[in-house]
């Protein structure tokens, strides 16, 4: 078990299969088998668990000039080849962009579809 910032991360280590059952819960929250309540969240792999405990920094900080890449998803969402400024970045990679062509703030969540200008 690992205690970090009021959260407890745990996993099951097996000699032959490696590790499994990656789990995070609050330190003051406990599972209750009588009511079928399981505290916290389970993750598929250790990378997901670590990124939840310590999120990676944003690829584009606030104030950065960006452009939408010309790819299938960016075209479908209407961000391709458009230029904007990053106004705000949330902790989970959601960007608030001020678009140059419309002057309207838009939310966007796929940082791999953006590039610095």
Protein backbone atom coordinates (compact mmCIF):
# COMPACT_ATOMS: atom_id res chain seq x y z
CA UNK A 1 0.00 0.00 0.00
CA UNK A 2 1.05 3.56 -0.75
CA UNK A 3 -0.28 6.58 1.17
CA UNK A 4 -0.18 9.82 -0.85
CA UNK A 5 -2.11 13.08 -0.34
CA UNK A 6 -4.97 11.50 1.61
CA UNK A 7 -5.33 8.59 -0.81
CA UNK A 8 -4.34 4.96 -0.51
CA UNK A 9 -3.13 3.07 -3.58
CA UNK A 10 -2.82 -0.69 -3.49
CA UNK A 11 -2.30 -3.65 -5.80
CA UNK A 12 -1.85 -7.39 -5.64
CA UNK A 13 1.60 -8.73 -6.50
CA UNK A 14 1.83 -12.28 -7.80
CA UNK A 15 5.10 -14.13 -8.18
CA UNK A 16 4.34 -15.48 -11.64
CA UNK A 17 1.86 -13.05 -13.22
CA UNK A 18 3.27 -9.71 -12.06
CA UNK A 19 0.72 -7.35 -10.50
CA UNK A 20 -3.04 -6.86 -10.75
CA UNK A 21 -6.03 -5.30 -8.95
CA UNK A 22 -4.75 -1.71 -9.05
CA UNK A 23 -6.96 0.27 -6.67
CA UNK A 24 -7.17 3.80 -5.19
CA UNK A 25 -9.41 4.96 -2.35
CA UNK A 26 -9.56 7.88 0.07
CA UNK A 27 -7.81 7.25 3.39
CA UNK A 28 -11.04 7.85 5.34
CA UNK A 29 -13.22 5.64 3.10
CA UNK A 30 -13.59 1.90 3.69
CA UNK A 31 -15.43 -0.90 1.91
CA UNK A 32 -18.49 -2.39 3.61
CA UNK A 33 -19.25 -5.99 2.65
CA UNK A 34 -22.63 -5.94 4.43
CA UNK A 35 -24.04 -3.26 2.12
CA UNK A 36 -21.99 -4.32 -0.93
CA UNK A 37 -20.14 -0.96 -1.00
CA UNK A 38 -16.64 -0.98 -2.45
CA UNK A 39 -14.68 2.20 -1.75
CA UNK A 40 -12.52 3.74 -4.44
CA UNK A 41 -11.76 2.86 -8.03
CA UNK A 42 -10.02 0.02 -9.83
CA UNK A 43 -7.64 0.56 -12.76
CA UNK A 44 -6.51 -1.68 -15.61
CA UNK A 45 -2.79 -1.04 -15.21
CA UNK A 46 -0.21 0.70 -13.05
CA UNK A 47 0.15 3.64 -15.47
CA UNK A 48 -3.52 4.58 -15.07
CA UNK A 49 -3.20 4.33 -11.29
CA UNK A 50 -0.07 6.52 -11.16
CA UNK A 51 -1.54 9.13 -13.52
CA UNK A 52 -4.61 9.36 -11.30
CA UNK A 53 -2.49 9.89 -8.18
CA UNK A 54 -0.05 12.33 -9.82
CA UNK A 55 -1.49 13.77 -13.06
CA UNK A 56 0.97 14.70 -15.78
CA UNK A 57 1.42 18.42 -16.53
CA UNK A 58 -0.53 19.86 -19.44
CA UNK A 59 1.14 19.74 -22.85
CA UNK A 60 0.08 23.33 -23.61
CA UNK A 61 0.14 25.85 -20.72
CA UNK A 62 -2.25 28.81 -20.48
CA UNK A 63 -1.30 31.57 -22.95
CA UNK A 64 0.11 29.19 -25.55
CA UNK A 65 -0.85 29.78 -29.20
CA UNK A 66 -2.17 26.55 -30.72
CA UNK A 67 -3.57 25.23 -34.00
CA UNK A 68 -5.79 22.23 -34.61
CA UNK A 69 -4.09 19.44 -36.53
CA UNK A 70 -5.58 18.33 -39.83
CA UNK A 71 -6.74 14.84 -38.86
CA UNK A 72 -10.01 12.91 -38.91
CA UNK A 73 -11.19 13.67 -35.36
CA UNK A 74 -10.18 17.35 -35.45
CA UNK A 75 -12.05 17.76 -38.76
CA UNK A 76 -15.13 16.04 -37.34
CA UNK A 77 -15.10 18.30 -34.24
CA UNK A 78 -14.43 21.45 -36.28
CA UNK A 79 -11.03 22.36 -34.77
CA UNK A 80 -8.80 21.44 -37.73
CA UNK A 81 -6.52 24.25 -38.98
CA UNK A 82 -8.12 26.76 -36.58
CA UNK A 83 -5.88 28.94 -34.42
CA UNK A 84 -6.54 29.86 -30.81
CA UNK A 85 -5.04 30.71 -27.44
CA UNK A 86 -5.16 28.42 -24.43
CA UNK A 87 -7.08 30.35 -21.76
CA UNK A 88 -7.39 27.70 -19.05
CA UNK A 89 -6.23 24.13 -18.45
CA UNK A 90 -8.04 21.79 -16.06
CA UNK A 91 -6.30 19.05 -14.13
CA UNK A 92 -7.45 16.32 -16.54
CA UNK A 93 -6.29 17.84 -19.84
CA UNK A 94 -9.41 19.80 -20.74
CA UNK A 95 -8.53 23.05 -22.47
CA UNK A 96 -10.54 26.26 -22.74
CA UNK A 97 -9.50 27.83 -26.03
CA UNK A 98 -10.19 31.36 -27.27
CA UNK A 99 -10.56 30.87 -31.01
CA UNK A 100 -9.13 33.60 -33.28
CA UNK A 101 -11.75 33.24 -36.05
CA UNK A 102 -14.84 33.57 -33.84
CA UNK A 103 -13.60 35.21 -30.62
CA UNK A 104 -15.57 32.63 -28.65
CA UNK A 105 -14.15 30.40 -25.89
CA UNK A 106 -14.53 26.70 -26.65
CA UNK A 107 -13.75 23.63 -24.57
CA UNK A 108 -11.57 20.91 -26.03
CA UNK A 109 -10.23 17.70 -24.51
CA UNK A 110 -7.93 16.00 -27.03
CA UNK A 111 -4.47 17.51 -26.65
CA UNK A 112 -2.98 15.18 -29.27
CA UNK A 113 -5.15 16.97 -31.88
CA UNK A 114 -3.51 20.32 -31.06
CA UNK A 115 -0.07 21.65 -31.96
CA UNK A 116 1.90 24.73 -30.92
CA UNK A 117 2.17 27.45 -33.56
